[in-house]
C-alpha atoms as a PDB file:
ATOM      1  CA  MET A   1     133.565  93.775   8.166  1.00  0.00           C
ATOM      2  CA  ILE A   2     133.661  97.182   6.535  1.00  0.00           C
ATOM      3  CA  TYR A   3     135.617 100.098   7.978  1.00  0.00           C
ATOM      4  CA  THR A   4     135.671 103.872   8.004  1.00  0.00           C
ATOM      5  CA  ASP A   5     138.592 106.262   8.428  1.00  0.00           C
ATOM      6  CA  ILE A   6     138.259 108.974  11.079  1.00  0.00           C
ATOM      7  CA  LYS A   7     140.650 111.902  11.398  1.00  0.00           C
ATOM      8  CA  ALA A   8     142.698 111.809  14.578  1.00  0.00           C
ATOM      9  CA  ASN A   9     145.184 114.616  15.272  1.00  0.00           C
ATOM     10  CA  GLY A  10     146.837 114.477  11.874  1.00  0.00           C
ATOM     11  CA  ASP A  11     146.427 110.702  11.691  1.00  0.00           C
ATOM     12  CA  LEU A  12     143.609 108.352  10.676  1.00  0.00           C
ATOM     13  CA  LEU A  13     141.836 105.744  12.763  1.00  0.00           C
ATOM     14  CA  HIS A  14     140.714 102.787  10.641  1.00  0.00           C
ATOM     15  CA  VAL A  15     137.577 101.909  12.616  1.00  0.00           C
ATOM     16  CA  SER A  16     135.297  98.944  12.012  1.00  0.00           C
ATOM     17  CA  LYS A  17     131.721  99.992  11.263  1.00  0.00           C
ATOM     18  CA  LEU A  18     130.544  98.145  14.364  1.00  0.00           C
ATOM     19  CA  ALA A  19     132.067  98.919  17.757  1.00  0.00           C
ATOM     20  CA  ILE A  20     131.383  96.797  20.830  1.00  0.00           C
ATOM     21  CA  GLY A  21     130.532  98.053  24.291  1.00  0.00           C
ATOM     22  CA  SER A  22     131.459  97.078  27.815  1.00  0.00           C
ATOM     23  CA  ALA A  23     128.583  98.213  30.017  1.00  0.00           C
ATOM     24  CA  VAL A  24     125.182  97.083  31.324  1.00  0.00           C
ATOM     25  CA  ARG A  25     124.397  93.651  29.817  1.00  0.00           C
ATOM     26  CA  MET A  26     128.066  92.910  29.162  1.00  0.00           C
ATOM     27  CA  GLN A  27     128.781  93.342  32.872  1.00  0.00           C
ATOM     28  CA  ALA A  28     126.408  90.481  33.716  1.00  0.00           C
ATOM     29  CA  LEU A  29     128.677  87.993  31.934  1.00  0.00           C
ATOM     30  CA  SER A  30     131.410  86.011  33.598  1.00  0.00           C
ATOM     31  CA  LYS A  31     134.946  87.025  32.706  1.00  0.00           C
ATOM     32  CA  GLU A  32     135.329  83.949  30.486  1.00  0.00           C
ATOM     33  CA  GLU A  33     132.055  84.656  28.683  1.00  0.00           C
ATOM     34  CA  LEU A  34     132.942  88.316  28.151  1.00  0.00           C
ATOM     35  CA  PHE A  35     136.380  87.483  26.791  1.00  0.00           C
ATOM     36  CA  SER A  36     134.857  84.898  24.453  1.00  0.00           C
ATOM     37  CA  ILE A  37     132.456  87.563  23.125  1.00  0.00           C
ATOM     38  CA  TYR A  38     135.374  89.918  22.499  1.00  0.00           C
ATOM     39  CA  ASP A  39     137.332  87.119  20.799  1.00  0.00           C
ATOM     40  CA  CYS A  40     134.426  86.480  18.447  1.00  0.00           C
ATOM     41  CA  TYR A  41     134.043  90.199  17.701  1.00  0.00           C
ATOM     42  CA  LEU A  42     137.719  90.537  16.762  1.00  0.00           C
ATOM     43  CA  GLU A  43     137.671  87.296  14.759  1.00  0.00           C
ATOM     44  CA  TYR A  44     134.958  88.744  12.520  1.00  0.00           C
ATOM     45  CA  GLY A  45     136.874  91.963  11.880  1.00  0.00           C
ATOM     46  CA  GLY A  46     135.715  94.248  14.668  1.00  0.00           C
ATOM     47  CA  ASN A  47     138.420  96.425  16.194  1.00  0.00           C
ATOM     48  CA  CYS A  48     136.870  99.058  18.512  1.00  0.00           C
ATOM     49  CA  ILE A  49     135.948  98.468  22.169  1.00  0.00           C
ATOM     50  CA  ASP A  50     134.036 101.289  23.849  1.00  0.00           C
ATOM     51  CA  THR A  51     134.153 101.772  27.606  1.00  0.00           C
ATOM     52  CA  ALA A  52     134.273 104.582  30.201  1.00  0.00           C
ATOM     53  CA  ARG A  53     135.846 105.450  33.511  1.00  0.00           C
ATOM     54  CA  ALA A  54     132.347 105.734  34.985  1.00  0.00           C
ATOM     55  CA  TYR A  55     131.106 102.291  33.925  1.00  0.00           C
ATOM     56  CA  ALA A  56     130.685  99.921  36.850  1.00  0.00           C
ATOM     57  CA  GLY A  57     132.875 102.102  39.039  1.00  0.00           C
ATOM     58  CA  GLY A  58     135.872 101.510  36.768  1.00  0.00           C
ATOM     59  CA  ARG A  59     135.451  97.748  36.576  1.00  0.00           C
ATOM     60  CA  ALA A  60     134.518  97.856  32.886  1.00  0.00           C
ATOM     61  CA  GLU A  61     137.876  99.397  31.991  1.00  0.00           C
ATOM     62  CA  GLU A  62     139.704  96.896  34.173  1.00  0.00           C
ATOM     63  CA  LEU A  63     138.072  93.990  32.332  1.00  0.00           C
ATOM     64  CA  VAL A  64     138.965  95.440  28.936  1.00  0.00           C
ATOM     65  CA  GLY A  65     142.520  95.977  30.143  1.00  0.00           C
ATOM     66  CA  GLU A  66     142.764  92.455  31.518  1.00  0.00           C
ATOM     67  CA  TYR A  67     141.406  91.065  28.267  1.00  0.00           C
ATOM     68  CA  MET A  68     144.010  92.883  26.161  1.00  0.00           C
ATOM     69  CA  LYS A  69     146.823  91.888  28.513  1.00  0.00           C
ATOM     70  CA  ILE A  70     145.901  88.192  28.575  1.00  0.00           C
ATOM     71  CA  ARG A  71     145.331  88.019  24.817  1.00  0.00           C
ATOM     72  CA  GLY A  72     148.284  90.273  23.951  1.00  0.00           C
ATOM     73  CA  ASN A  73     146.181  92.054  21.341  1.00  0.00           C
ATOM     74  CA  ARG A  74     146.325  95.738  22.296  1.00  0.00           C
ATOM     75  CA  ASN A  75     147.726  96.564  18.842  1.00  0.00           C
ATOM     76  CA  ARG A  76     144.577  95.153  17.215  1.00  0.00           C
ATOM     77  CA  ILE A  77     142.136  97.252  19.219  1.00  0.00           C
ATOM     78  CA  ILE A  78     141.004 100.860  19.013  1.00  0.00           C
ATOM     79  CA  VAL A  79     140.385 101.709  22.660  1.00  0.00           C
ATOM     80  CA  SER A  80     137.563 104.179  23.249  1.00  0.00           C
ATOM     81  CA  THR A  81     137.000 105.477  26.773  1.00  0.00           C
ATOM     82  CA  LYS A  82     135.562 108.526  28.515  1.00  0.00           C
ATOM     83  CA  CYS A  83     136.438 111.096  31.157  1.00  0.00           C
ATOM     84  CA  GLY A  84     134.744 113.880  33.041  1.00  0.00           C
ATOM     85  CA  HIS A  85     131.583 112.141  34.230  1.00  0.00           C
ATOM     86  CA  PRO A  86     129.894 114.338  36.889  1.00  0.00           C
ATOM     87  CA  ASN A  87     130.151 113.498  40.565  1.00  0.00           C
ATOM     88  CA  GLU A  88     127.183 111.910  42.308  1.00  0.00           C
ATOM     89  CA  ASP A  89     126.091 115.386  43.383  1.00  0.00           C
ATOM     90  CA  GLY A  90     126.011 116.465  39.736  1.00  0.00           C
ATOM     91  CA  LYS A  91     129.109 118.648  39.919  1.00  0.00           C
ATOM     92  CA  SER A  92     130.996 118.659  36.638  1.00  0.00           C
ATOM     93  CA  ARG A  93     134.566 117.414  36.387  1.00  0.00           C
ATOM     94  CA  LEU A  94     135.877 119.100  33.261  1.00  0.00           C
ATOM     95  CA  SER A  95     139.020 120.870  34.447  1.00  0.00           C
ATOM     96  CA  TYR A  96     142.370 119.824  32.987  1.00  0.00           C
ATOM     97  CA  GLU A  97     143.404 118.328  36.330  1.00  0.00           C
ATOM     98  CA  GLU A  98     140.239 116.222  36.586  1.00  0.00           C
ATOM     99  CA  MET A  99     140.396 115.001  32.979  1.00  0.00           C
ATOM    100  CA  LYS A 100     144.089 114.183  33.365  1.00  0.00           C
ATOM    101  CA  SER A 101     143.389 112.298  36.585  1.00  0.00           C
ATOM    102  CA  ASP A 102     140.704 110.274  34.839  1.00  0.00           C
ATOM    103  CA  LEU A 103     143.063 109.559  31.962  1.00  0.00           C
ATOM    104  CA  ASP A 104     145.902 108.385  34.177  1.00  0.00           C
ATOM    105  CA  THR A 105     143.516 106.131  36.089  1.00  0.00           C
ATOM    106  CA  SER A 106     142.084 104.766  32.822  1.00  0.00           C
ATOM    107  CA  LEU A 107     145.514 104.022  31.377  1.00  0.00           C
ATOM    108  CA  LYS A 108     146.412 102.001  34.438  1.00  0.00           C
ATOM    109  CA  ALA A 109     143.114 100.094  34.374  1.00  0.00           C
ATOM    110  CA  LEU A 110     143.400  99.446  30.638  1.00  0.00           C
ATOM    111  CA  ASN A 111     147.034  98.266  30.806  1.00  0.00           C
ATOM    112  CA  THR A 112     148.045 100.636  28.023  1.00  0.00           C
ATOM    113  CA  ASP A 113     150.084 103.780  27.466  1.00  0.00           C
ATOM    114  CA  HIS A 114     147.527 105.561  25.276  1.00  0.00           C
ATOM    115  CA  VAL A 115     143.831 105.787  24.446  1.00  0.00           C
ATOM    116  CA  ASP A 116     142.792 105.987  20.801  1.00  0.00           C
ATOM    117  CA  ILE A 117     139.510 107.886  21.251  1.00  0.00           C
ATOM    118  CA  TYR A 118     139.001 109.947  24.400  1.00  0.00           C
ATOM    119  CA  TRP A 119     135.494 111.238  25.004  1.00  0.00           C
ATOM    120  CA  VAL A 120     134.299 113.949  27.353  1.00  0.00           C
ATOM    121  CA  HIS A 121     131.499 111.904  28.881  1.00  0.00           C
ATOM    122  CA  LYS A 122     129.050 114.640  29.850  1.00  0.00           C
ATOM    123  CA  ASP A 123     128.893 118.363  29.171  1.00  0.00           C
ATOM    124  CA  ASP A 124     128.230 121.217  31.563  1.00  0.00           C
ATOM    125  CA  LYS A 125     127.019 124.302  29.718  1.00  0.00           C
ATOM    126  CA  LYS A 126     128.143 126.490  32.601  1.00  0.00           C
ATOM    127  CA  GLU A 127     131.739 125.532  31.835  1.00  0.00           C
ATOM    128  CA  PRO A 128     133.405 127.581  29.047  1.00  0.00           C
ATOM    129  CA  VAL A 129     134.409 125.428  26.080  1.00  0.00           C
ATOM    130  CA  GLU A 130     137.735 127.235  25.932  1.00  0.00           C
ATOM    131  CA  GLY A 131     139.059 125.654  29.109  1.00  0.00           C
ATOM    132  CA  ILE A 132     137.856 122.198  28.111  1.00  0.00           C
ATOM    133  CA  ILE A 133     139.478 122.370  24.665  1.00  0.00           C
ATOM    134  CA  ASP A 134     142.700 123.795  26.123  1.00  0.00           C
ATOM    135  CA  GLY A 135     142.864 120.933  28.626  1.00  0.00           C
ATOM    136  CA  LEU A 136     142.153 118.251  26.056  1.00  0.00           C
ATOM    137  CA  ASN A 137     144.833 119.617  23.746  1.00  0.00           C
ATOM    138  CA  ARG A 138     147.369 119.414  26.549  1.00  0.00           C
ATOM    139  CA  LEU A 139     146.467 115.737  26.832  1.00  0.00           C
ATOM    140  CA  LEU A 140     146.767 115.302  23.068  1.00  0.00           C
ATOM    141  CA  LYS A 141     150.260 116.797  23.145  1.00  0.00           C
ATOM    142  CA  SER A 142     151.252 114.334  25.855  1.00  0.00           C
ATOM    143  CA  GLY A 143     150.771 111.498  23.362  1.00  0.00           C
ATOM    144  CA  LYS A 144     148.454 109.651  25.743  1.00  0.00           C
ATOM    145  CA  ILE A 145     145.403 110.135  23.531  1.00  0.00           C
ATOM    146  CA  ARG A 146     145.064 110.150  19.732  1.00  0.00           C
ATOM    147  CA  MET A 147     141.648 111.731  19.221  1.00  0.00           C
ATOM    148  CA  ILE A 148     139.034 113.625  21.251  1.00  0.00           C
ATOM    149  CA  GLY A 149     135.283 113.221  21.040  1.00  0.00           C
ATOM    150  CA  ALA A 150     132.174 114.655  22.684  1.00  0.00           C
ATOM    151  CA  SER A 151     129.750 112.261  24.385  1.00  0.00           C
ATOM    152  CA  ASN A 152     126.246 113.627  25.046  1.00  0.00           C
ATOM    153  CA  TRP A 153     127.085 117.140  23.885  1.00  0.00           C
ATOM    154  CA  THR A 154     124.632 119.223  21.865  1.00  0.00           C
ATOM    155  CA  VAL A 155     125.696 120.145  18.354  1.00  0.00           C
ATOM    156  CA  GLU A 156     125.642 123.802  19.407  1.00  0.00           C
ATOM    157  CA  ARG A 157     128.234 123.173  22.107  1.00  0.00           C
ATOM    158  CA  ILE A 158     130.331 120.989  19.785  1.00  0.00           C
ATOM    159  CA  ALA A 159     130.270 123.772  17.191  1.00  0.00           C
ATOM    160  CA  SER A 160     131.295 126.346  19.791  1.00  0.00           C
ATOM    161  CA  ALA A 161     134.163 124.148  21.005  1.00  0.00           C
ATOM    162  CA  ASN A 162     135.377 123.385  17.489  1.00  0.00           C
ATOM    163  CA  ASN A 163     135.182 127.019  16.424  1.00  0.00           C
ATOM    164  CA  TYR A 164     137.364 127.982  19.366  1.00  0.00           C
ATOM    165  CA  ALA A 165     139.777 125.147  18.586  1.00  0.00           C
ATOM    166  CA  LYS A 166     140.100 126.339  14.982  1.00  0.00           C
ATOM    167  CA  GLU A 167     140.583 129.981  15.981  1.00  0.00           C
ATOM    168  CA  SER A 168     143.240 129.056  18.529  1.00  0.00           C
ATOM    169  CA  GLY A 169     145.096 126.640  16.268  1.00  0.00           C
ATOM    170  CA  GLN A 170     144.129 123.575  18.309  1.00  0.00           C
ATOM    171  CA  ILE A 171     142.388 120.245  17.732  1.00  0.00           C
ATOM    172  CA  GLY A 172     138.622 120.086  18.119  1.00  0.00           C
ATOM    173  CA  PHE A 173     136.214 117.218  18.615  1.00  0.00           C
ATOM    174  CA  GLY A 174     136.502 114.664  15.815  1.00  0.00           C
ATOM    175  CA  SER A 175     133.321 112.711  16.529  1.00  0.00           C
ATOM    176  CA  SER A 176     130.233 112.600  18.716  1.00  0.00           C
ATOM    177  CA  GLN A 177     128.597 109.867  20.766  1.00  0.00           C
ATOM    178  CA  ILE A 178     124.840 110.026  21.371  1.00  0.00           C
ATOM    179  CA  GLN A 179     121.837 107.703  21.423  1.00  0.00           C
ATOM    180  CA  TRP A 180     120.719 106.728  17.939  1.00  0.00           C
ATOM    181  CA  SER A 181     119.005 103.647  16.590  1.00  0.00           C
ATOM    182  CA  PHE A 182     116.585 102.452  13.937  1.00  0.00           C
ATOM    183  CA  ALA A 183     113.816 103.043  16.456  1.00  0.00           C
ATOM    184  CA  ASP A 184     111.877 106.265  16.797  1.00  0.00           C
ATOM    185  CA  THR A 185     112.955 107.025  20.357  1.00  0.00           C
ATOM    186  CA  LEU A 186     111.261 109.052  23.084  1.00  0.00           C
ATOM    187  CA  SER A 187     113.992 111.441  24.178  1.00  0.00           C
ATOM    188  CA  LEU A 188     112.371 111.849  27.616  1.00  0.00           C
ATOM    189  CA  TYR A 189     113.504 108.330  28.507  1.00  0.00           C
ATOM    190  CA  PHE A 190     117.161 109.186  27.967  1.00  0.00           C
ATOM    191  CA  GLN A 191     116.931 112.689  29.427  1.00  0.00           C
ATOM    192  CA  GLN A 192     116.707 111.189  32.901  1.00  0.00           C
ATOM    193  CA  TYR A 193     120.279 109.970  32.300  1.00  0.00           C
ATOM    194  CA  THR A 194     121.276 113.336  30.731  1.00  0.00           C
ATOM    195  CA  SER A 195     121.809 111.456  27.480  1.00  0.00           C
ATOM    196  CA  LEU A 196     121.116 113.021  24.100  1.00  0.00           C
ATOM    197  CA  VAL A 197     119.044 111.419  21.345  1.00  0.00           C
ATOM    198  CA  MET A 198     119.532 112.042  17.620  1.00  0.00           C
ATOM    199  CA  ASP A 199     116.939 114.501  16.323  1.00  0.00           C
ATOM    200  CA  ASP A 200     116.310 116.061  12.909  1.00  0.00           C
ATOM    201  CA  ASP A 201     118.218 119.290  13.550  1.00  0.00           C
ATOM    202  CA  SER A 202     121.235 117.468  14.969  1.00  0.00           C
ATOM    203  CA  TYR A 203     121.150 115.008  12.075  1.00  0.00           C
ATOM    204  CA  GLU A 204     121.361 117.825   9.539  1.00  0.00           C
ATOM    205  CA  TRP A 205     124.264 119.396  11.448  1.00  0.00           C
ATOM    206  CA  TYR A 206     126.240 116.139  11.560  1.00  0.00           C
ATOM    207  CA  LYS A 207     125.614 115.607   7.846  1.00  0.00           C
ATOM    208  CA  LYS A 208     126.646 119.156   6.935  1.00  0.00           C
ATOM    209  CA  HIS A 209     129.829 119.022   9.008  1.00  0.00           C
ATOM    210  CA  GLU A 210     130.623 115.407   8.085  1.00  0.00           C
ATOM    211  CA  MET A 211     131.119 114.460  11.722  1.00  0.00           C
ATOM    212  CA  PRO A 212     130.970 110.726  12.532  1.00  0.00           C
ATOM    213  CA  VAL A 213     128.541 109.591  15.223  1.00  0.00           C
ATOM    214  CA  PHE A 214     129.147 106.634  17.525  1.00  0.00           C
ATOM    215  CA  ALA A 215     125.635 105.455  18.397  1.00  0.00           C
ATOM    216  CA  PHE A 216     124.972 103.944  21.817  1.00  0.00           C
ATOM    217  CA  SER A 217     121.793 101.925  22.496  1.00  0.00           C
ATOM    218  CA  ALA A 218     122.024 101.278  18.757  1.00  0.00           C
ATOM    219  CA  GLN A 219     119.943  98.109  19.072  1.00  0.00           C
ATOM    220  CA  ALA A 220     117.112  99.873  20.925  1.00  0.00           C
ATOM    221  CA  GLN A 221     117.506  97.490  23.868  1.00  0.00           C
ATOM    222  CA  GLY A 222     116.648  94.598  21.555  1.00  0.00           C
ATOM    223  CA  PHE A 223     113.146  96.008  21.004  1.00  0.00           C
ATOM    224  CA  PHE A 224     112.630  94.795  17.448  1.00  0.00           C
ATOM    225  CA  GLN A 225     113.934  91.268  17.930  1.00  0.00           C
ATOM    226  CA  LYS A 226     112.005  90.842  21.188  1.00  0.00           C
ATOM    227  CA  VAL A 227     108.724  92.045  19.696  1.00  0.00           C
ATOM    228  CA  ALA A 228     109.257  89.861  16.617  1.00  0.00           C
ATOM    229  CA  ALA A 229     109.767  86.840  18.877  1.00  0.00           C
ATOM    230  CA  GLY A 230     107.142  87.422  21.556  1.00  0.00           C
ATOM    231  CA  GLY A 231     105.058  90.505  20.844  1.00  0.00           C
ATOM    232  CA  LEU A 232     104.849  93.764  22.783  1.00  0.00           C
ATOM    233  CA  ALA A 233     103.565  91.951  25.852  1.00  0.00           C
ATOM    234  CA  SER A 234     106.913  90.168  26.197  1.00  0.00           C
ATOM    235  CA  LEU A 235     108.700  93.448  26.977  1.00  0.00           C
ATOM    236  CA  ASP A 236     109.019  95.072  30.371  1.00  0.00           C
ATOM    237  CA  MET A 237     106.965  98.231  30.791  1.00  0.00           C
ATOM    238  CA  GLU A 238     109.947 100.582  30.577  1.00  0.00           C
ATOM    239  CA  VAL A 239     110.949  99.325  27.130  1.00  0.00           C
ATOM    240  CA  GLN A 240     107.317  99.328  25.996  1.00  0.00           C
ATOM    241  CA  ARG A 241     106.907 102.971  27.031  1.00  0.00           C
ATOM    242  CA  ASN A 242     110.087 104.038  25.292  1.00  0.00           C
ATOM    243  CA  TYR A 243     109.791 102.140  22.021  1.00  0.00           C
ATOM    244  CA  GLY A 244     106.306 100.631  21.703  1.00  0.00           C
ATOM    245  CA  SER A 245     104.898 103.277  19.354  1.00  0.00           C
ATOM    246  CA  PRO A 246     102.826 102.713  16.204  1.00  0.00           C
ATOM    247  CA  GLU A 247     105.720 104.154  14.174  1.00  0.00           C
ATOM    248  CA  ASN A 248     108.145 101.568  15.545  1.00  0.00           C
ATOM    249  CA  MET A 249     105.688  98.786  14.776  1.00  0.00           C
ATOM    250  CA  ARG A 250     105.619 100.022  11.183  1.00  0.00           C
ATOM    251  CA  ARG A 251     109.432 100.086  11.128  1.00  0.00           C
ATOM    252  CA  LEU A 252     109.487  96.550  12.508  1.00  0.00           C
ATOM    253  CA  ALA A 253     107.209  95.382   9.680  1.00  0.00           C
ATOM    254  CA  ARG A 254     109.520  96.919   7.066  1.00  0.00           C
ATOM    255  CA  ALA A 255     112.618  95.413   8.718  1.00  0.00           C
ATOM    256  CA  GLN A 256     110.943  91.984   8.806  1.00  0.00           C
ATOM    257  CA  LYS A 257     110.043  92.306   5.114  1.00  0.00           C
ATOM    258  CA  TYR A 258     113.654  93.181   4.275  1.00  0.00           C
ATOM    259  CA  ALA A 259     114.985  90.292   6.382  1.00  0.00           C
ATOM    260  CA  ARG A 260     112.647  87.787   4.703  1.00  0.00           C
ATOM    261  CA  GLU A 261     113.416  88.953   1.176  1.00  0.00           C
ATOM    262  CA  HIS A 262     117.193  88.989   1.730  1.00  0.00           C
ATOM    263  CA  GLU A 263     117.254  85.887   3.968  1.00  0.00           C
ATOM    264  CA  VAL A 264     119.160  87.610   6.763  1.00  0.00           C
ATOM    265  CA  PRO A 265     118.591  88.018  10.511  1.00  0.00           C
ATOM    266  CA  LEU A 266     116.558  91.002  11.682  1.00  0.00           C
ATOM    267  CA  ALA A 267     119.734  92.573  13.076  1.00  0.00           C
ATOM    268  CA  VAL A 268     121.001  93.219   9.527  1.00  0.00           C
ATOM    269  CA  PRO A 269     118.411  95.839   8.486  1.00  0.00           C
ATOM    270  CA  ILE A 270     118.241  97.304  12.006  1.00  0.00           C
ATOM    271  CA  LEU A 271     121.982  97.978  12.226  1.00  0.00           C
ATOM    272  CA  GLY A 272     122.417  98.332   8.472  1.00  0.00           C
ATOM    273  CA  TYR A 273     120.143 101.380   8.569  1.00  0.00           C
ATOM    274  CA  LEU A 274     122.766 103.131  10.718  1.00  0.00           C
ATOM    275  CA  ILE A 275     125.821 101.800   8.913  1.00  0.00           C
ATOM    276  CA  GLN A 276     124.584 102.967   5.497  1.00  0.00           C
ATOM    277  CA  ASN A 277     123.208 106.293   6.669  1.00  0.00           C
ATOM    278  CA  GLU A 278     124.054 109.674   5.143  1.00  0.00           C
ATOM    279  CA  VAL A 279     125.655 110.533   8.469  1.00  0.00           C
ATOM    280  CA  THR A 280     128.713 108.370   9.096  1.00  0.00           C
ATOM    281  CA  CYS A 281     127.692 106.116  11.978  1.00  0.00           C
ATOM    282  CA  ILE A 282     129.486 103.491  14.037  1.00  0.00           C
ATOM    283  CA  PRO A 283     126.831 101.605  16.040  1.00  0.00           C
ATOM    284  CA  ILE A 284     128.028 100.370  19.436  1.00  0.00           C
ATOM    285  CA  ILE A 285     126.633  96.879  19.855  1.00  0.00           C
ATOM    286  CA  GLY A 286     126.355  94.661  22.898  1.00  0.00           C
ATOM    287  CA  SER A 287     125.520  91.012  23.284  1.00  0.00           C
ATOM    288  CA  ASP A 288     125.360  88.445  26.055  1.00  0.00           C
ATOM    289  CA  ASN A 289     125.782  85.433  23.759  1.00  0.00           C
ATOM    290  CA  LYS A 290     127.623  84.541  20.564  1.00  0.00           C
ATOM    291  CA  GLU A 291     124.497  83.717  18.565  1.00  0.00           C
ATOM    292  CA  MET A 292     123.155  87.242  18.998  1.00  0.00           C
ATOM    293  CA  LEU A 293     126.601  88.725  18.381  1.00  0.00           C
ATOM    294  CA  LEU A 294     127.061  86.853  15.099  1.00  0.00           C
ATOM    295  CA  GLU A 295     123.683  88.084  13.858  1.00  0.00           C
ATOM    296  CA  SER A 296     124.717  91.658  14.631  1.00  0.00           C
ATOM    297  CA  LEU A 297     128.133  91.226  12.999  1.00  0.00           C
ATOM    298  CA  LEU A 298     126.448  90.171   9.755  1.00  0.00           C
ATOM    299  CA  ALA A 299     125.307  93.788   9.438  1.00  0.00           C
ATOM    300  CA  GLY A 300     128.952  94.693   8.863  1.00  0.00           C
ATOM    301  CA  GLU A 301     129.099  92.326   5.880  1.00  0.00           C
ATOM    302  CA  LYS A 302     125.580  92.064   4.398  1.00  0.00           C
ATOM    303  CA  LEU A 303     125.297  95.646   3.247  1.00  0.00           C
ATOM    304  CA  VAL A 304     121.996  97.475   3.303  1.00  0.00           C
ATOM    305  CA  THR A 305     121.999  99.963   0.415  1.00  0.00           C
ATOM    306  CA  PRO A 306     121.464 103.687   1.073  1.00  0.00           C
ATOM    307  CA  GLU A 307     118.141 103.369  -0.773  1.00  0.00           C
ATOM    308  CA  ASP A 308     117.097 100.490   1.475  1.00  0.00           C
ATOM    309  CA  ALA A 309     118.099 102.492   4.556  1.00  0.00           C
ATOM    310  CA  CYS A 310     115.832 105.321   3.452  1.00  0.00           C
ATOM    311  CA  TRP A 311     112.941 102.928   2.798  1.00  0.00           C
ATOM    312  CA  LEU A 312     113.395 101.178   6.129  1.00  0.00           C
ATOM    313  CA  ALA A 313     113.021 104.456   8.021  1.00  0.00           C
ATOM    314  CA  ARG A 314     110.347 106.136   5.949  1.00  0.00           C
ATOM    315  CA  GLY A 315     108.587 103.477   3.906  1.00  0.00           C
END
């Protein structure tokens, strides 16, 4: 597994180039199956587990915490979790008191005394960035978090927050978490979840400012592998609508060509495109079985070159 160093409040986080998630498909596994998946991920050099206070009503964090407690491996894991998810009525929860409450609850669920990467889960443009940054820096000074990140924030809002942080002598956001994959993605699909999708303007901003991106839905819901195995008709209509474009079929053909010529699973070019991108990217992977996980983990060892990454996306 290859790694990247990310600045964290005067320190560095040595993060594996593939993180692993804890939501959606992972939640369908039994506890034993989930822990076995995490064991395999760590065995192959992975070290970052991504979760959130809002996932499964807090159950996702509890499972990660139970896993680390049973295995006694907290010191091997970069814990990434999130605060400030809006209430069911859509009201934002970005005050210092609300973020601190989320953090204290997360620490208890995770069986730990600190979080390595702490993300503000959703933004609210009506809330001034000044108060959010002030609150997060109070949490940083408490020693309970090592680094702050923005999840589903526009680059304009990140820039505004980081400019204020710099002017006030505080710590700004060190990374961003948005939807990004090898697939050409219809942003309308993710907008219903108030999730942001990588676009050209954002890409150029991240590259210019050298800000790492943690990419969720990095495997495009398994689109490429499923189409390669059973054709478009094998997908449910939602996935077909979101990913079943002529452009993605062309990308699939290029990824298949790469996989054949290099004798690697299809997951290698699909995730390798992100890993070897001009923008530093840590794809967040998920898997419900070890066979699929091992294919994904190969992308952290069988390196796609930057030239190959460009060809895969553009031909």
